[in-house]
Amino acid sequence: MKKILLFVLLAIAFTSCKSTSSAVGKNESKKENRYTVNKLIEKAEDNIGVRYKAGGTTKNGFDCSGLVYTTFESENIKLPRSSYEQANVGKIIKISDAQKGDLIFFKTNKSRQINHVGLIVEVNSNEIKFVHSSTSKGVIVSSTKETYYQNSFAQINRVIE
């Protein structure tokens, strides 16, 4: 009887230790992810004012997917090079669940497929702000409140949980 009681007590002790350690691990990874998201936003916003350049991935000029590609690469996160391919990475989420660090995709100029991407930098109740490289203004922060982006919104992807 003592052996059974000892076994039960040990099983309870190990089970409770296991659940505690996994919760700590989860919190640590969430903190690391928040840190990574903040670094990504900082890196992307450091490029505000850089001109647009088709195929560009440097301070000499960025296209939209080049900005996102280079930004994520700075944190050793590998993404495909085009916005169309980037739209297949991570998990598609509802616009109401958008968070800083998510990617936002558009079908601009009546395109049938995704052809534009930005990095979400701020989310309010009825507005999402994102940094991207626009063909006319270069790297800027825009808003989903702007008619152009309201009309061309396609999806939001979460790459970093």
Protein backbone atom coordinates (compact mmCIF):
# COMPACT_ATOMS: atom_id res chain seq x y z
CA MET A 1 0.00 0.00 0.00
CA LYS A 2 2.86 2.40 0.86
CA LYS A 3 4.47 1.69 -2.54
CA ILE A 4 1.22 2.53 -4.38
CA LEU A 5 0.79 5.76 -2.37
CA LEU A 6 4.41 6.73 -3.05
CA PHE A 7 3.93 6.00 -6.78
CA VAL A 8 0.75 8.14 -6.90
CA LEU A 9 2.48 11.02 -5.09
CA LEU A 10 5.46 10.83 -7.45
CA ALA A 11 3.17 10.74 -10.48
CA ILE A 12 1.33 13.85 -9.23
CA ALA A 13 4.60 15.66 -8.53
CA PHE A 14 6.01 14.90 -11.98
CA THR A 15 2.77 15.84 -13.70
CA SER A 16 2.59 19.19 -11.94
CA CYS A 17 6.25 19.91 -12.70
CA LYS A 18 5.69 19.12 -16.34
CA SER A 19 2.73 21.47 -16.73
CA THR A 20 4.53 24.28 -14.92
CA SER A 21 7.63 24.02 -17.08
CA SER A 22 5.67 23.98 -20.34
CA ALA A 23 3.75 27.10 -19.27
CA VAL A 24 7.02 28.85 -18.54
CA GLY A 25 8.34 27.74 -21.91
CA LYS A 26 5.23 29.13 -23.62
CA ASN A 27 5.55 32.48 -21.88
CA GLU A 28 9.23 32.70 -22.74
CA SER A 29 8.55 32.00 -26.40
CA LYS A 30 5.76 34.60 -26.44
CA LYS A 31 8.17 37.15 -24.97
CA GLU A 32 10.78 36.19 -27.56
CA ASN A 33 8.18 36.52 -30.32
CA ARG A 34 7.08 39.97 -29.09
CA TYR A 35 10.74 41.00 -29.08
CA THR A 36 11.19 39.67 -32.62
CA VAL A 37 8.04 41.44 -33.85
CA ASN A 38 9.25 44.73 -32.36
CA LYS A 39 12.67 44.27 -34.00
CA LEU A 40 11.00 43.58 -37.36
CA ILE A 41 8.85 46.71 -37.12
CA GLU A 42 11.86 48.81 -36.07
CA LYS A 43 13.90 47.45 -39.00
CA ALA A 44 11.13 48.08 -41.54
CA GLU A 45 10.41 51.60 -40.20
CA ASP A 46 14.14 52.43 -40.40
CA ASN A 47 13.59 52.36 -44.16
CA ILE A 48 10.82 54.96 -44.25
CA GLY A 49 11.71 57.43 -46.97
CA VAL A 50 13.74 54.98 -49.06
CA ARG A 51 12.60 55.17 -52.70
CA TYR A 52 10.70 52.47 -54.56
CA LYS A 53 12.75 50.29 -56.88
CA ALA A 54 11.34 47.27 -58.70
CA GLY A 55 13.23 44.19 -57.51
CA GLY A 56 14.93 46.27 -54.82
CA THR A 57 16.12 44.83 -51.51
CA THR A 58 18.50 47.55 -50.24
CA LYS A 59 18.57 51.15 -49.02
CA ASN A 60 19.05 52.07 -52.70
CA GLY A 61 15.39 51.11 -53.16
CA PHE A 62 12.81 48.51 -52.18
CA ASP A 63 9.79 46.99 -53.79
CA CYS A 64 7.06 45.85 -51.37
CA SER A 65 8.08 42.21 -51.09
CA GLY A 66 11.77 43.15 -51.06
CA LEU A 67 11.17 45.29 -47.97
CA VAL A 68 9.34 42.43 -46.20
CA TYR A 69 11.87 39.83 -47.38
CA THR A 70 14.87 41.89 -46.18
CA THR A 71 13.17 42.84 -42.90
CA PHE A 72 12.44 39.23 -41.97
CA GLU A 73 15.87 38.10 -43.17
CA SER A 74 17.40 40.52 -40.63
CA GLU A 75 15.92 38.28 -37.89
CA ASN A 76 16.96 35.07 -39.69
CA ILE A 77 13.40 34.34 -40.83
CA LYS A 78 13.36 33.08 -44.42
CA LEU A 79 10.49 34.18 -46.62
CA PRO A 80 9.95 33.77 -50.35
CA ARG A 81 10.89 36.78 -52.45
CA SER A 82 7.52 37.68 -54.06
CA SER A 83 4.37 38.94 -52.34
CA TYR A 84 2.34 36.25 -54.11
CA GLU A 85 4.56 33.53 -52.59
CA GLN A 86 4.77 35.28 -49.20
CA ALA A 87 0.96 35.07 -49.04
CA ASN A 88 1.35 31.27 -48.74
CA VAL A 89 3.54 31.46 -45.61
CA GLY A 90 2.13 31.27 -42.09
CA LYS A 91 -1.55 31.10 -41.29
CA ILE A 92 -4.30 33.25 -42.78
CA ILE A 93 -6.20 35.02 -40.01
CA LYS A 94 -9.33 37.15 -39.79
CA ILE A 95 -8.82 40.90 -40.12
CA SER A 96 -10.35 41.29 -36.64
CA ASP A 97 -7.51 39.12 -35.23
CA ALA A 98 -4.70 41.14 -36.85
CA GLN A 99 -1.68 41.98 -34.69
CA LYS A 100 1.55 43.91 -35.02
CA GLY A 101 4.01 41.83 -37.02
CA ASP A 102 1.42 40.15 -39.24
CA LEU A 103 1.68 40.51 -43.01
CA ILE A 104 -1.13 42.25 -44.88
CA PHE A 105 -1.74 41.49 -48.54
CA PHE A 106 -3.52 43.30 -51.35
CA LYS A 107 -4.65 42.80 -54.92
CA THR A 108 -3.95 46.25 -56.30
CA ASN A 109 -4.91 47.76 -59.67
CA LYS A 110 -7.68 45.18 -60.12
CA SER A 111 -5.15 42.33 -60.11
CA ARG A 112 -6.67 38.85 -59.84
CA GLN A 113 -3.86 37.68 -57.57
CA ILE A 114 -2.00 39.07 -54.59
CA ASN A 115 0.65 41.55 -55.76
CA HIS A 116 1.33 43.80 -52.75
CA VAL A 117 2.42 43.21 -49.14
CA GLY A 118 3.04 45.25 -46.00
CA LEU A 119 4.05 44.64 -42.39
CA ILE A 120 1.45 45.58 -39.77
CA VAL A 121 2.86 48.11 -37.29
CA GLU A 122 -0.29 49.18 -35.42
CA VAL A 123 -3.80 47.84 -34.90
CA ASN A 124 -6.71 49.89 -33.57
CA SER A 125 -10.37 48.90 -33.38
CA ASN A 126 -11.18 49.96 -36.96
CA GLU A 127 -7.81 50.64 -38.54
CA ILE A 128 -4.62 48.78 -39.37
CA LYS A 129 -1.42 50.68 -40.12
CA PHE A 130 1.28 48.96 -42.14
CA VAL A 131 4.73 49.79 -43.48
CA HIS A 132 5.28 49.00 -47.14
CA SER A 133 6.99 50.23 -50.27
CA SER A 134 4.61 52.13 -52.52
CA THR A 135 5.47 52.65 -56.18
CA SER A 136 4.75 56.38 -55.93
CA LYS A 137 6.12 57.29 -52.48
CA GLY A 138 8.63 54.60 -51.56
CA VAL A 139 8.66 53.16 -48.04
CA ILE A 140 5.81 54.68 -46.03
CA VAL A 141 3.19 53.80 -43.42
CA SER A 142 -0.34 53.53 -44.78
CA SER A 143 -3.74 52.69 -43.33
CA THR A 144 -6.58 50.36 -44.17
CA LYS A 145 -8.81 53.43 -43.77
CA GLU A 146 -7.46 54.70 -47.10
CA THR A 147 -9.97 53.85 -49.83
CA TYR A 148 -7.31 52.39 -52.13
CA TYR A 149 -6.32 49.80 -49.51
CA GLN A 150 -9.91 49.15 -48.38
CA ASN A 151 -10.80 48.26 -51.95
CA SER A 152 -7.77 46.07 -52.62
CA PHE A 153 -7.42 44.20 -49.29
CA ALA A 154 -6.91 40.44 -49.78
CA GLN A 155 -5.76 38.75 -46.54
CA ILE A 156 -3.63 38.84 -43.39
CA ASN A 157 -1.08 36.15 -42.54
CA ARG A 158 0.52 35.41 -39.21
CA VAL A 159 4.11 34.28 -39.67
CA ILE A 160 5.17 34.71 -36.03
CA GLU A 161 2.80 33.23 -33.43
